[in-house]
Amino acid sequence: MNKLISFLLIFSLLFPQEVCEGECYTDEEAQNIELYITELEQKDSNNSKIINNLNEQIQVYIQQTEIDSGIIENYKEQLAIQEEMIKTIKPAWYDNKYLWYSMGIVSMIVPIWGIGQLK
């Protein structure tokens, strides 16, 4: 037993306890700091995943806006072609509404006048 005590005494003198310079933390404080760091790392990894997901969504939205812009351009082109076609197609001489109105009146008046002349 004496040998053990003397051995521990010599060992403790050869390898003294580390001297703390600056702030020293207890084991409990060190564990709390480690837990806090672990929580922050988990939150950081979750935030990284969220950021990656949002970047992917932004890319999808950019692609969708490009597709929508193309569709809008196609619709504008179709409208321009439609207006051009409407301008180029001119109604024929017999598509005049006044002409048809006049013909309707004449077709009513002439038979009535003709029947009136038969007496």
PDB file of N, CA and C in Angstrom:
ATOM      1  N   MET A   1       0.810  -1.164   0.000  1.00  0.00           N
ATOM      2  CA  MET A   1       0.000   0.000   0.000  1.00  0.00           C
ATOM      3  C   MET A   1       0.872   1.253   0.000  1.00  0.00           C
ATOM      4  N   ASN A   2       1.933   1.239   0.746  1.00  0.00           N
ATOM      5  CA  ASN A   2       2.836   2.382   0.778  1.00  0.00           C
ATOM      6  C   ASN A   2       3.478   2.603  -0.586  1.00  0.00           C
ATOM      7  N   LYS A   3       3.755   1.499  -1.203  1.00  0.00           N
ATOM      8  CA  LYS A   3       4.360   1.611  -2.525  1.00  0.00           C
ATOM      9  C   LYS A   3       3.383   2.283  -3.501  1.00  0.00           C
ATOM     10  N   LEU A   4       2.120   1.924  -3.363  1.00  0.00           N
ATOM     11  CA  LEU A   4       1.103   2.503  -4.243  1.00  0.00           C
ATOM     12  C   LEU A   4       0.959   4.005  -3.989  1.00  0.00           C
ATOM     13  N   ILE A   5       0.934   4.400  -2.744  1.00  0.00           N
ATOM     14  CA  ILE A   5       0.810   5.810  -2.406  1.00  0.00           C
ATOM     15  C   ILE A   5       2.038   6.573  -2.870  1.00  0.00           C
ATOM     16  N   SER A   6       3.187   5.996  -2.661  1.00  0.00           N
ATOM     17  CA  SER A   6       4.402   6.674  -3.100  1.00  0.00           C
ATOM     18  C   SER A   6       4.445   6.754  -4.632  1.00  0.00           C
ATOM     19  N   PHE A   7       3.967   5.703  -5.268  1.00  0.00           N
ATOM     20  CA  PHE A   7       3.941   5.710  -6.729  1.00  0.00           C
ATOM     21  C   PHE A   7       3.002   6.798  -7.231  1.00  0.00           C
ATOM     22  N   LEU A   8       1.836   6.913  -6.633  1.00  0.00           N
ATOM     23  CA  LEU A   8       0.884   7.948  -7.032  1.00  0.00           C
ATOM     24  C   LEU A   8       1.428   9.341  -6.740  1.00  0.00           C
ATOM     25  N   LEU A   9       2.132   9.496  -5.618  1.00  0.00           N
ATOM     26  CA  LEU A   9       2.719  10.780  -5.279  1.00  0.00           C
ATOM     27  C   LEU A   9       3.780  11.175  -6.296  1.00  0.00           C
ATOM     28  N   ILE A  10       4.632  10.253  -6.647  1.00  0.00           N
ATOM     29  CA  ILE A  10       5.677  10.521  -7.633  1.00  0.00           C
ATOM     30  C   ILE A  10       5.036  10.787  -9.003  1.00  0.00           C
ATOM     31  N   PHE A  11       4.051   9.988  -9.345  1.00  0.00           N
ATOM     32  CA  PHE A  11       3.382  10.143 -10.640  1.00  0.00           C
ATOM     33  C   PHE A  11       2.689  11.501 -10.727  1.00  0.00           C
ATOM     34  N   SER A  12       2.046  11.925  -9.633  1.00  0.00           N
ATOM     35  CA  SER A  12       1.361  13.209  -9.642  1.00  0.00           C
ATOM     36  C   SER A  12       2.347  14.366  -9.686  1.00  0.00           C
ATOM     37  N   LEU A  13       3.528  14.173  -9.138  1.00  0.00           N
ATOM     38  CA  LEU A  13       4.528  15.229  -9.200  1.00  0.00           C
ATOM     39  C   LEU A  13       5.154  15.311 -10.595  1.00  0.00           C
ATOM     40  N   LEU A  14       5.296  14.168 -11.236  1.00  0.00           N
ATOM     41  CA  LEU A  14       5.864  14.161 -12.580  1.00  0.00           C
ATOM     42  C   LEU A  14       4.860  14.714 -13.617  1.00  0.00           C
ATOM     43  N   PHE A  15       3.637  14.364 -13.458  1.00  0.00           N
ATOM     44  CA  PHE A  15       2.587  14.803 -14.394  1.00  0.00           C
ATOM     45  C   PHE A  15       1.557  15.621 -13.631  1.00  0.00           C
ATOM     46  N   PRO A  16       1.821  16.884 -13.440  1.00  0.00           N
ATOM     47  CA  PRO A  16       0.883  17.697 -12.663  1.00  0.00           C
ATOM     48  C   PRO A  16      -0.383  17.989 -13.479  1.00  0.00           C
ATOM     49  N   GLN A  17      -1.413  18.452 -12.782  1.00  0.00           N
ATOM     50  CA  GLN A  17      -2.675  18.809 -13.428  1.00  0.00           C
ATOM     51  C   GLN A  17      -2.429  20.019 -14.307  1.00  0.00           C
ATOM     52  N   GLU A  18      -3.091  20.022 -15.437  1.00  0.00           N
ATOM     53  CA  GLU A  18      -2.902  21.116 -16.380  1.00  0.00           C
ATOM     54  C   GLU A  18      -3.373  22.425 -15.758  1.00  0.00           C
ATOM     55  N   VAL A  19      -2.598  23.449 -15.971  1.00  0.00           N
ATOM     56  CA  VAL A  19      -2.945  24.757 -15.456  1.00  0.00           C
ATOM     57  C   VAL A  19      -3.883  25.417 -16.457  1.00  0.00           C
ATOM     58  N   CYS A  20      -4.956  25.916 -15.967  1.00  0.00           N
ATOM     59  CA  CYS A  20      -5.962  26.527 -16.834  1.00  0.00           C
ATOM     60  C   CYS A  20      -5.588  27.978 -17.075  1.00  0.00           C
ATOM     61  N   GLU A  21      -5.444  28.325 -18.332  1.00  0.00           N
ATOM     62  CA  GLU A  21      -5.169  29.712 -18.690  1.00  0.00           C
ATOM     63  C   GLU A  21      -6.419  30.268 -19.358  1.00  0.00           C
ATOM     64  N   GLY A  22      -6.871  31.395 -18.954  1.00  0.00           N
ATOM     65  CA  GLY A  22      -8.094  31.973 -19.512  1.00  0.00           C
ATOM     66  C   GLY A  22      -9.303  31.427 -18.773  1.00  0.00           C
ATOM     67  N   GLU A  23     -10.367  31.045 -19.528  1.00  0.00           N
ATOM     68  CA  GLU A  23     -11.575  30.530 -18.914  1.00  0.00           C
ATOM     69  C   GLU A  23     -11.510  29.022 -18.815  1.00  0.00           C
ATOM     70  N   CYS A  24     -11.877  28.499 -17.676  1.00  0.00           N
ATOM     71  CA  CYS A  24     -11.919  27.059 -17.462  1.00  0.00           C
ATOM     72  C   CYS A  24     -13.367  26.641 -17.290  1.00  0.00           C
ATOM     73  N   TYR A  25     -13.731  25.526 -17.889  1.00  0.00           N
ATOM     74  CA  TYR A  25     -15.105  25.036 -17.831  1.00  0.00           C
ATOM     75  C   TYR A  25     -15.142  23.731 -17.061  1.00  0.00           C
ATOM     76  N   THR A  26     -16.223  23.547 -16.337  1.00  0.00           N
ATOM     77  CA  THR A  26     -16.414  22.281 -15.638  1.00  0.00           C
ATOM     78  C   THR A  26     -16.864  21.248 -16.662  1.00  0.00           C
ATOM     79  N   ASP A  27     -16.899  19.999 -16.224  1.00  0.00           N
ATOM     80  CA  ASP A  27     -17.319  18.935 -17.133  1.00  0.00           C
ATOM     81  C   ASP A  27     -18.767  19.135 -17.578  1.00  0.00           C
ATOM     82  N   GLU A  28     -19.615  19.571 -16.671  1.00  0.00           N
ATOM     83  CA  GLU A  28     -21.009  19.804 -17.011  1.00  0.00           C
ATOM     84  C   GLU A  28     -21.145  20.930 -18.027  1.00  0.00           C
ATOM     85  N   GLU A  29     -20.394  22.001 -17.850  1.00  0.00           N
ATOM     86  CA  GLU A  29     -20.427  23.106 -18.805  1.00  0.00           C
ATOM     87  C   GLU A  29     -19.897  22.665 -20.164  1.00  0.00           C
ATOM     88  N   ALA A  30     -18.866  21.854 -20.156  1.00  0.00           N
ATOM     89  CA  ALA A  30     -18.307  21.354 -21.419  1.00  0.00           C
ATOM     90  C   ALA A  30     -19.327  20.483 -22.143  1.00  0.00           C
ATOM     91  N   GLN A  31     -20.063  19.647 -21.386  1.00  0.00           N
ATOM     92  CA  GLN A  31     -21.081  18.809 -21.997  1.00  0.00           C
ATOM     93  C   GLN A  31     -22.215  19.669 -22.559  1.00  0.00           C
ATOM     94  N   ASN A  32     -22.605  20.703 -21.816  1.00  0.00           N
ATOM     95  CA  ASN A  32     -23.649  21.603 -22.314  1.00  0.00           C
ATOM     96  C   ASN A  32     -23.202  22.310 -23.587  1.00  0.00           C
ATOM     97  N   ILE A  33     -21.962  22.733 -23.630  1.00  0.00           N
ATOM     98  CA  ILE A  33     -21.430  23.379 -24.831  1.00  0.00           C
ATOM     99  C   ILE A  33     -21.428  22.404 -25.999  1.00  0.00           C
ATOM    100  N   GLU A  34     -21.049  21.161 -25.731  1.00  0.00           N
ATOM    101  CA  GLU A  34     -21.021  20.146 -26.786  1.00  0.00           C
ATOM    102  C   GLU A  34     -22.434  19.878 -27.306  1.00  0.00           C
ATOM    103  N   LEU A  35     -23.424  19.783 -26.402  1.00  0.00           N
ATOM    104  CA  LEU A  35     -24.808  19.585 -26.824  1.00  0.00           C
ATOM    105  C   LEU A  35     -25.307  20.773 -27.647  1.00  0.00           C
ATOM    106  N   TYR A  36     -24.961  21.959 -27.213  1.00  0.00           N
ATOM    107  CA  TYR A  36     -25.370  23.162 -27.935  1.00  0.00           C
ATOM    108  C   TYR A  36     -24.765  23.185 -29.333  1.00  0.00           C
ATOM    109  N   ILE A  37     -23.503  22.831 -29.432  1.00  0.00           N
ATOM    110  CA  ILE A  37     -22.836  22.780 -30.742  1.00  0.00           C
ATOM    111  C   ILE A  37     -23.481  21.721 -31.623  1.00  0.00           C
ATOM    112  N   THR A  38     -23.826  20.576 -31.053  1.00  0.00           N
ATOM    113  CA  THR A  38     -24.475  19.511 -31.815  1.00  0.00           C
ATOM    114  C   THR A  38     -25.836  19.979 -32.335  1.00  0.00           C
ATOM    115  N   GLU A  39     -26.602  20.656 -31.479  1.00  0.00           N
ATOM    116  CA  GLU A  39     -27.894  21.184 -31.910  1.00  0.00           C
ATOM    117  C   GLU A  39     -27.728  22.183 -33.045  1.00  0.00           C
ATOM    118  N   LEU A  40     -26.740  23.055 -32.920  1.00  0.00           N
ATOM    119  CA  LEU A  40     -26.496  24.045 -33.971  1.00  0.00           C
ATOM    120  C   LEU A  40     -26.089  23.382 -35.276  1.00  0.00           C
ATOM    121  N   GLU A  41     -25.287  22.313 -35.199  1.00  0.00           N
ATOM    122  CA  GLU A  41     -24.883  21.596 -36.414  1.00  0.00           C
ATOM    123  C   GLU A  41     -26.098  20.956 -37.080  1.00  0.00           C
ATOM    124  N   GLN A  42     -27.015  20.393 -36.260  1.00  0.00           N
ATOM    125  CA  GLN A  42     -28.225  19.788 -36.818  1.00  0.00           C
ATOM    126  C   GLN A  42     -29.101  20.859 -37.477  1.00  0.00           C
ATOM    127  N   LYS A  43     -29.239  21.991 -36.801  1.00  0.00           N
ATOM    128  CA  LYS A  43     -30.028  23.068 -37.385  1.00  0.00           C
ATOM    129  C   LYS A  43     -29.391  23.579 -38.673  1.00  0.00           C
ATOM    130  N   ASP A  44     -28.074  23.645 -38.696  1.00  0.00           N
ATOM    131  CA  ASP A  44     -27.370  24.093 -39.899  1.00  0.00           C
ATOM    132  C   ASP A  44     -27.589  23.114 -41.043  1.00  0.00           C
ATOM    133  N   SER A  45     -27.537  21.807 -40.741  1.00  0.00           N
ATOM    134  CA  SER A  45     -27.759  20.826 -41.806  1.00  0.00           C
ATOM    135  C   SER A  45     -29.200  20.902 -42.299  1.00  0.00           C
ATOM    136  N   ASN A  46     -30.158  21.109 -41.385  1.00  0.00           N
ATOM    137  CA  ASN A  46     -31.561  21.273 -41.800  1.00  0.00           C
ATOM    138  C   ASN A  46     -31.732  22.521 -42.651  1.00  0.00           C
ATOM    139  N   ASN A  47     -31.090  23.604 -42.251  1.00  0.00           N
ATOM    140  CA  ASN A  47     -31.167  24.837 -43.042  1.00  0.00           C
ATOM    141  C   ASN A  47     -30.530  24.645 -44.412  1.00  0.00           C
ATOM    142  N   SER A  48     -29.461  23.888 -44.483  1.00  0.00           N
ATOM    143  CA  SER A  48     -28.829  23.615 -45.776  1.00  0.00           C
ATOM    144  C   SER A  48     -29.779  22.839 -46.682  1.00  0.00           C
ATOM    145  N   LYS A  49     -30.481  21.855 -46.100  1.00  0.00           N
ATOM    146  CA  LYS A  49     -31.443  21.089 -46.887  1.00  0.00           C
ATOM    147  C   LYS A  49     -32.578  21.991 -47.366  1.00  0.00           C
ATOM    148  N   ILE A  50     -33.047  22.860 -46.492  1.00  0.00           N
ATOM    149  CA  ILE A  50     -34.135  23.777 -46.864  1.00  0.00           C
ATOM    150  C   ILE A  50     -33.677  24.714 -47.976  1.00  0.00           C
ATOM    151  N   ILE A  51     -32.461  25.225 -47.860  1.00  0.00           N
ATOM    152  CA  ILE A  51     -31.933  26.128 -48.887  1.00  0.00           C
ATOM    153  C   ILE A  51     -31.808  25.412 -50.222  1.00  0.00           C
ATOM    154  N   ASN A  52     -31.322  24.160 -50.199  1.00  0.00           N
ATOM    155  CA  ASN A  52     -31.216  23.396 -51.447  1.00  0.00           C
ATOM    156  C   ASN A  52     -32.598  23.157 -52.058  1.00  0.00           C
ATOM    157  N   ASN A  53     -33.567  22.839 -51.207  1.00  0.00           N
ATOM    158  CA  ASN A  53     -34.926  22.625 -51.691  1.00  0.00           C
ATOM    159  C   ASN A  53     -35.493  23.895 -52.306  1.00  0.00           C
ATOM    160  N   LEU A  54     -35.280  25.021 -51.660  1.00  0.00           N
ATOM    161  CA  LEU A  54     -35.775  26.292 -52.190  1.00  0.00           C
ATOM    162  C   LEU A  54     -35.079  26.656 -53.501  1.00  0.00           C
ATOM    163  N   ASN A  55     -33.794  26.374 -53.608  1.00  0.00           N
ATOM    164  CA  ASN A  55     -33.086  26.639 -54.869  1.00  0.00           C
ATOM    165  C   ASN A  55     -33.644  25.778 -55.994  1.00  0.00           C
ATOM    166  N   GLU A  56     -33.966  24.523 -55.683  1.00  0.00           N
ATOM    167  CA  GLU A  56     -34.575  23.663 -56.702  1.00  0.00           C
ATOM    168  C   GLU A  56     -35.939  24.202 -57.116  1.00  0.00           C
ATOM    169  N   GLN A  57     -36.720  24.684 -56.151  1.00  0.00           N
ATOM    170  CA  GLN A  57     -38.023  25.255 -56.475  1.00  0.00           C
ATOM    171  C   GLN A  57     -37.868  26.503 -57.340  1.00  0.00           C
ATOM    172  N   ILE A  58     -36.867  27.311 -57.051  1.00  0.00           N
ATOM    173  CA  ILE A  58     -36.621  28.504 -57.857  1.00  0.00           C
ATOM    174  C   ILE A  58     -36.303  28.113 -59.292  1.00  0.00           C
ATOM    175  N   GLN A  59     -35.487  27.062 -59.470  1.00  0.00           N
ATOM    176  CA  GLN A  59     -35.160  26.602 -60.813  1.00  0.00           C
ATOM    177  C   GLN A  59     -36.407  26.119 -61.548  1.00  0.00           C
ATOM    178  N   VAL A  60     -37.277  25.407 -60.829  1.00  0.00           N
ATOM    179  CA  VAL A  60     -38.524  24.939 -61.448  1.00  0.00           C
ATOM    180  C   VAL A  60     -39.385  26.130 -61.846  1.00  0.00           C
ATOM    181  N   TYR A  61     -39.468  27.136 -60.985  1.00  0.00           N
ATOM    182  CA  TYR A  61     -40.267  28.322 -61.295  1.00  0.00           C
ATOM    183  C   TYR A  61     -39.681  29.092 -62.478  1.00  0.00           C
ATOM    184  N   ILE A  62     -38.357  29.158 -62.562  1.00  0.00           N
ATOM    185  CA  ILE A  62     -37.724  29.832 -63.696  1.00  0.00           C
ATOM    186  C   ILE A  62     -38.061  29.108 -64.998  1.00  0.00           C
ATOM    187  N   GLN A  63     -37.986  27.769 -64.959  1.00  0.00           N
ATOM    188  CA  GLN A  63     -38.331  26.997 -66.154  1.00  0.00           C
ATOM    189  C   GLN A  63     -39.800  27.203 -66.520  1.00  0.00           C
ATOM    190  N   GLN A  64     -40.662  27.229 -65.510  1.00  0.00           N
ATOM    191  CA  GLN A  64     -42.088  27.412 -65.768  1.00  0.00           C
ATOM    192  C   GLN A  64     -42.373  28.783 -66.366  1.00  0.00           C
ATOM    193  N   THR A  65     -41.679  29.812 -65.881  1.00  0.00           N
ATOM    194  CA  THR A  65     -41.888  31.151 -66.452  1.00  0.00           C
ATOM    195  C   THR A  65     -41.388  31.216 -67.890  1.00  0.00           C
ATOM    196  N   GLU A  66     -40.306  30.503 -68.193  1.00  0.00           N
ATOM    197  CA  GLU A  66     -39.831  30.465 -69.575  1.00  0.00           C
ATOM    198  C   GLU A  66     -40.862  29.789 -70.476  1.00  0.00           C
ATOM    199  N   ILE A  67     -41.444  28.703 -69.999  1.00  0.00           N
ATOM    200  CA  ILE A  67     -42.473  28.005 -70.776  1.00  0.00           C
ATOM    201  C   ILE A  67     -43.679  28.913 -70.961  1.00  0.00           C
ATOM    202  N   ASP A  68     -44.103  29.573 -69.877  1.00  0.00           N
ATOM    203  CA  ASP A  68     -45.252  30.474 -69.964  1.00  0.00           C
ATOM    204  C   ASP A  68     -44.976  31.639 -70.906  1.00  0.00           C
ATOM    205  N   SER A  69     -43.752  32.161 -70.875  1.00  0.00           N
ATOM    206  CA  SER A  69     -43.395  33.253 -71.785  1.00  0.00           C
ATOM    207  C   SER A  69     -43.480  32.785 -73.235  1.00  0.00           C
ATOM    208  N   GLY A  70     -43.037  31.569 -73.489  1.00  0.00           N
ATOM    209  CA  GLY A  70     -43.134  31.012 -74.844  1.00  0.00           C
ATOM    210  C   GLY A  70     -44.576  30.867 -75.287  1.00  0.00           C
ATOM    211  N   ILE A  71     -45.425  30.414 -74.379  1.00  0.00           N
ATOM    212  CA  ILE A  71     -46.850  30.265 -74.711  1.00  0.00           C
ATOM    213  C   ILE A  71     -47.467  31.631 -74.994  1.00  0.00           C
ATOM    214  N   ILE A  72     -47.123  32.618 -74.196  1.00  0.00           N
ATOM    215  CA  ILE A  72     -47.658  33.974 -74.412  1.00  0.00           C
ATOM    216  C   ILE A  72     -47.206  34.515 -75.758  1.00  0.00           C
ATOM    217  N   GLU A  73     -45.946  34.305 -76.108  1.00  0.00           N
ATOM    218  CA  GLU A  73     -45.440  34.755 -77.406  1.00  0.00           C
ATOM    219  C   GLU A  73     -46.187  34.064 -78.544  1.00  0.00           C
ATOM    220  N   ASN A  74     -46.462  32.771 -78.383  1.00  0.00           N
ATOM    221  CA  ASN A  74     -47.212  32.050 -79.417  1.00  0.00           C
ATOM    222  C   ASN A  74     -48.623  32.608 -79.560  1.00  0.00           C
ATOM    223  N   TYR A  75     -49.264  32.929 -78.427  1.00  0.00           N
ATOM    224  CA  TYR A  75     -50.598  33.516 -78.498  1.00  0.00           C
ATOM    225  C   TYR A  75     -50.579  34.882 -79.177  1.00  0.00           C
ATOM    226  N   LYS A  76     -49.571  35.680 -78.875  1.00  0.00           N
ATOM    227  CA  LYS A  76     -49.456  36.986 -79.519  1.00  0.00           C
ATOM    228  C   LYS A  76     -49.269  36.820 -81.024  1.00  0.00           C
ATOM    229  N   GLU A  77     -48.449  35.850 -81.407  1.00  0.00           N
ATOM    230  CA  GLU A  77     -48.216  35.595 -82.826  1.00  0.00           C
ATOM    231  C   GLU A  77     -49.506  35.133 -83.510  1.00  0.00           C
ATOM    232  N   GLN A  78     -50.251  34.271 -82.830  1.00  0.00           N
ATOM    233  CA  GLN A  78     -51.522  33.814 -83.392  1.00  0.00           C
ATOM    234  C   GLN A  78     -52.498  34.976 -83.559  1.00  0.00           C
ATOM    235  N   LEU A  79     -52.555  35.874 -82.578  1.00  0.00           N
ATOM    236  CA  LEU A  79     -53.433  37.033 -82.691  1.00  0.00           C
ATOM    237  C   LEU A  79     -53.021  37.938 -83.850  1.00  0.00           C
ATOM    238  N   ALA A  80     -51.718  38.122 -84.027  1.00  0.00           N
ATOM    239  CA  ALA A  80     -51.245  38.956 -85.134  1.00  0.00           C
ATOM    240  C   ALA A  80     -51.622  38.320 -86.471  1.00  0.00           C
ATOM    241  N   ILE A  81     -51.443  37.017 -86.579  1.00  0.00           N
ATOM    242  CA  ILE A  81     -51.811  36.319 -87.824  1.00  0.00           C
ATOM    243  C   ILE A  81     -53.309  36.403 -88.052  1.00  0.00           C
ATOM    244  N   GLN A  82     -54.084  36.255 -86.991  1.00  0.00           N
ATOM    245  CA  GLN A  82     -55.535  36.332 -87.113  1.00  0.00           C
ATOM    246  C   GLN A  82     -55.977  37.717 -87.582  1.00  0.00           C
ATOM    247  N   GLU A  83     -55.395  38.761 -87.003  1.00  0.00           N
ATOM    248  CA  GLU A  83     -55.750  40.119 -87.435  1.00  0.00           C
ATOM    249  C   GLU A  83     -55.346  40.354 -88.882  1.00  0.00           C
ATOM    250  N   GLU A  84     -54.200  39.811 -89.275  1.00  0.00           N
ATOM    251  CA  GLU A  84     -53.754  39.952 -90.659  1.00  0.00           C
ATOM    252  C   GLU A  84     -54.714  39.240 -91.606  1.00  0.00           C
ATOM    253  N   MET A  85     -55.161  38.063 -91.214  1.00  0.00           N
ATOM    254  CA  MET A  85     -56.099  37.322 -92.063  1.00  0.00           C
ATOM    255  C   MET A  85     -57.424  38.051 -92.174  1.00  0.00           C
ATOM    256  N   ILE A  86     -57.878  38.652 -91.084  1.00  0.00           N
ATOM    257  CA  ILE A  86     -59.136  39.387 -91.117  1.00  0.00           C
ATOM    258  C   ILE A  86     -59.031  40.580 -92.059  1.00  0.00           C
ATOM    259  N   LYS A  87     -57.873  41.252 -92.051  1.00  0.00           N
ATOM    260  CA  LYS A  87     -57.685  42.408 -92.938  1.00  0.00           C
ATOM    261  C   LYS A  87     -57.613  41.988 -94.396  1.00  0.00           C
ATOM    262  N   THR A  88     -57.013  40.833 -94.676  1.00  0.00           N
ATOM    263  CA  THR A  88     -56.850  40.413 -96.065  1.00  0.00           C
ATOM    264  C   THR A  88     -58.142  39.871 -96.659  1.00  0.00           C
ATOM    265  N   ILE A  89     -59.004  39.322 -95.838  1.00  0.00           N
ATOM    266  CA  ILE A  89     -60.270  38.788 -96.357  1.00  0.00           C
ATOM    267  C   ILE A  89     -61.269  39.931 -96.430  1.00  0.00           C
ATOM    268  N   LYS A  90     -61.581  40.325 -97.656  1.00  0.00           N
ATOM    269  CA  LYS A  90     -62.539  41.410 -97.864  1.00  0.00           C
ATOM    270  C   LYS A  90     -63.876  40.798 -98.244  1.00  0.00           C
ATOM    271  N   PRO A  91     -64.954  41.360 -97.757  1.00  0.00           N
ATOM    272  CA  PRO A  91     -66.269  40.804 -98.118  1.00  0.00           C
ATOM    273  C   PRO A  91     -66.562  41.050 -99.597  1.00  0.00           C
ATOM    274  N   ALA A  92     -67.289  40.124-100.200  1.00  0.00           N
ATOM    275  CA  ALA A  92     -67.655  40.252-101.618  1.00  0.00           C
ATOM    276  C   ALA A  92     -68.743  41.312-101.764  1.00  0.00           C
ATOM    277  N   TRP A  93     -69.033  41.691-103.009  1.00  0.00           N
ATOM    278  CA  TRP A  93     -70.001  42.756-103.261  1.00  0.00           C
ATOM    279  C   TRP A  93     -71.391  42.371-102.781  1.00  0.00           C
ATOM    280  N   TYR A  94     -71.680  41.075-102.794  1.00  0.00           N
ATOM    281  CA  TYR A  94     -73.011  40.626-102.401  1.00  0.00           C
ATOM    282  C   TYR A  94     -73.136  40.406-100.883  1.00  0.00           C
ATOM    283  N   ASP A  95     -72.086  40.668-100.132  1.00  0.00           N
ATOM    284  CA  ASP A  95     -72.155  40.548 -98.677  1.00  0.00           C
ATOM    285  C   ASP A  95     -72.511  41.875 -98.013  1.00  0.00           C
ATOM    286  N   ASN A  96     -73.037  42.795 -98.800  1.00  0.00           N
ATOM    287  CA  ASN A  96     -73.412  44.104 -98.286  1.00  0.00           C
ATOM    288  C   ASN A  96     -74.796  44.011 -97.657  1.00  0.00           C
ATOM    289  N   LYS A  97     -74.935  44.421 -96.380  1.00  0.00           N
ATOM    290  CA  LYS A  97     -76.220  44.301 -95.694  1.00  0.00           C
ATOM    291  C   LYS A  97     -77.268  45.249 -96.275  1.00  0.00           C
ATOM    292  N   TYR A  98     -76.851  46.383 -96.800  1.00  0.00           N
ATOM    293  CA  TYR A  98     -77.807  47.319 -97.398  1.00  0.00           C
ATOM    294  C   TYR A  98     -78.385  46.740 -98.683  1.00  0.00           C
ATOM    295  N   LEU A  99     -77.554  46.035 -99.409  1.00  0.00           N
ATOM    296  CA  LEU A  99     -78.024  45.390-100.629  1.00  0.00           C
ATOM    297  C   LEU A  99     -79.095  44.358-100.304  1.00  0.00           C
ATOM    298  N   TRP A 100     -78.905  43.528 -99.314  1.00  0.00           N
ATOM    299  CA  TRP A 100     -79.873  42.512 -98.932  1.00  0.00           C
ATOM    300  C   TRP A 100     -81.139  43.152 -98.355  1.00  0.00           C
ATOM    301  N   TYR A 101     -80.991  44.227 -97.636  1.00  0.00           N
ATOM    302  CA  TYR A 101     -82.154  44.939 -97.102  1.00  0.00           C
ATOM    303  C   TYR A 101     -82.998  45.507 -98.250  1.00  0.00           C
ATOM    304  N   SER A 102     -82.301  46.114 -99.190  1.00  0.00           N
ATOM    305  CA  SER A 102     -83.007  46.688-100.351  1.00  0.00           C
ATOM    306  C   SER A 102     -83.684  45.600-101.159  1.00  0.00           C
ATOM    307  N   MET A 103     -83.022  44.480-101.346  1.00  0.00           N
ATOM    308  CA  MET A 103     -83.617  43.379-102.108  1.00  0.00           C
ATOM    309  C   MET A 103     -84.840  42.829-101.399  1.00  0.00           C
ATOM    310  N   GLY A 104     -84.817  42.791-100.084  1.00  0.00           N
ATOM    311  CA  GLY A 104     -85.985  42.332 -99.318  1.00  0.00           C
ATOM    312  C   GLY A 104     -87.161  43.270 -99.493  1.00  0.00           C
ATOM    313  N   ILE A 105     -86.888  44.567 -99.469  1.00  0.00           N
ATOM    314  CA  ILE A 105     -87.969  45.546 -99.654  1.00  0.00           C
ATOM    315  C   ILE A 105     -88.532  45.455-101.059  1.00  0.00           C
ATOM    316  N   VAL A 106     -87.635  45.352-102.039  1.00  0.00           N
ATOM    317  CA  VAL A 106     -88.081  45.257-103.440  1.00  0.00           C
ATOM    318  C   VAL A 106     -88.876  43.982-103.647  1.00  0.00           C
ATOM    319  N   SER A 107     -88.440  42.864-103.029  1.00  0.00           N
ATOM    320  CA  SER A 107     -89.155  41.600-103.216  1.00  0.00           C
ATOM    321  C   SER A 107     -90.544  41.634-102.569  1.00  0.00           C
ATOM    322  N   MET A 108     -90.770  42.529-101.666  1.00  0.00           N
ATOM    323  CA  MET A 108     -92.105  42.679-101.075  1.00  0.00           C
ATOM    324  C   MET A 108     -92.960  43.680-101.872  1.00  0.00           C
ATOM    325  N   ILE A 109     -92.338  44.753-102.307  1.00  0.00           N
ATOM    326  CA  ILE A 109     -93.093  45.814-102.969  1.00  0.00           C
ATOM    327  C   ILE A 109     -93.503  45.407-104.385  1.00  0.00           C
ATOM    328  N   VAL A 110     -92.611  44.786-105.147  1.00  0.00           N
ATOM    329  CA  VAL A 110     -92.902  44.436-106.550  1.00  0.00           C
ATOM    330  C   VAL A 110     -94.074  43.458-106.656  1.00  0.00           C
ATOM    331  N   PRO A 111     -94.129  42.375-105.874  1.00  0.00           N
ATOM    332  CA  PRO A 111     -95.304  41.494-106.010  1.00  0.00           C
ATOM    333  C   PRO A 111     -96.604  42.188-105.604  1.00  0.00           C
ATOM    334  N   ILE A 112     -96.532  43.016-104.546  1.00  0.00           N
ATOM    335  CA  ILE A 112     -97.741  43.715-104.127  1.00  0.00           C
ATOM    336  C   ILE A 112     -98.175  44.696-105.225  1.00  0.00           C
ATOM    337  N   TRP A 113     -97.260  45.381-105.822  1.00  0.00           N
ATOM    338  CA  TRP A 113     -97.571  46.321-106.897  1.00  0.00           C
ATOM    339  C   TRP A 113     -98.114  45.571-108.118  1.00  0.00           C
ATOM    340  N   GLY A 114     -97.465  44.404-108.420  1.00  0.00           N
ATOM    341  CA  GLY A 114     -97.898  43.609-109.564  1.00  0.00           C
ATOM    342  C   GLY A 114     -99.318  43.096-109.387  1.00  0.00           C
ATOM    343  N   ILE A 115     -99.686  42.651-108.195  1.00  0.00           N
ATOM    344  CA  ILE A 115    -101.041  42.172-107.931  1.00  0.00           C
ATOM    345  C   ILE A 115    -102.016  43.340-108.009  1.00  0.00           C
ATOM    346  N   GLY A 116    -101.564  44.485-107.592  1.00  0.00           N
ATOM    347  CA  GLY A 116    -102.430  45.675-107.668  1.00  0.00           C
ATOM    348  C   GLY A 116    -102.674  46.084-109.110  1.00  0.00           C
ATOM    349  N   GLN A 117    -101.813  45.780-110.054  1.00  0.00           N
ATOM    350  CA  GLN A 117    -101.959  46.148-111.448  1.00  0.00           C
ATOM    351  C   GLN A 117    -102.888  45.183-112.195  1.00  0.00           C
ATOM    352  N   LEU A 118    -103.169  44.036-111.639  1.00  0.00           N
ATOM    353  CA  LEU A 118    -104.001  43.025-112.307  1.00  0.00           C
ATOM    354  C   LEU A 118    -105.485  43.398-112.362  1.00  0.00           C
ATOM    355  N   LYS A 119    -105.993  44.227-111.636  1.00  0.00           N
ATOM    356  CA  LYS A 119    -107.406  44.584-111.594  1.00  0.00           C
ATOM    357  C   LYS A 119    -107.831  45.216-112.832  1.00  0.00           C
TER     358      LYS A 119
END
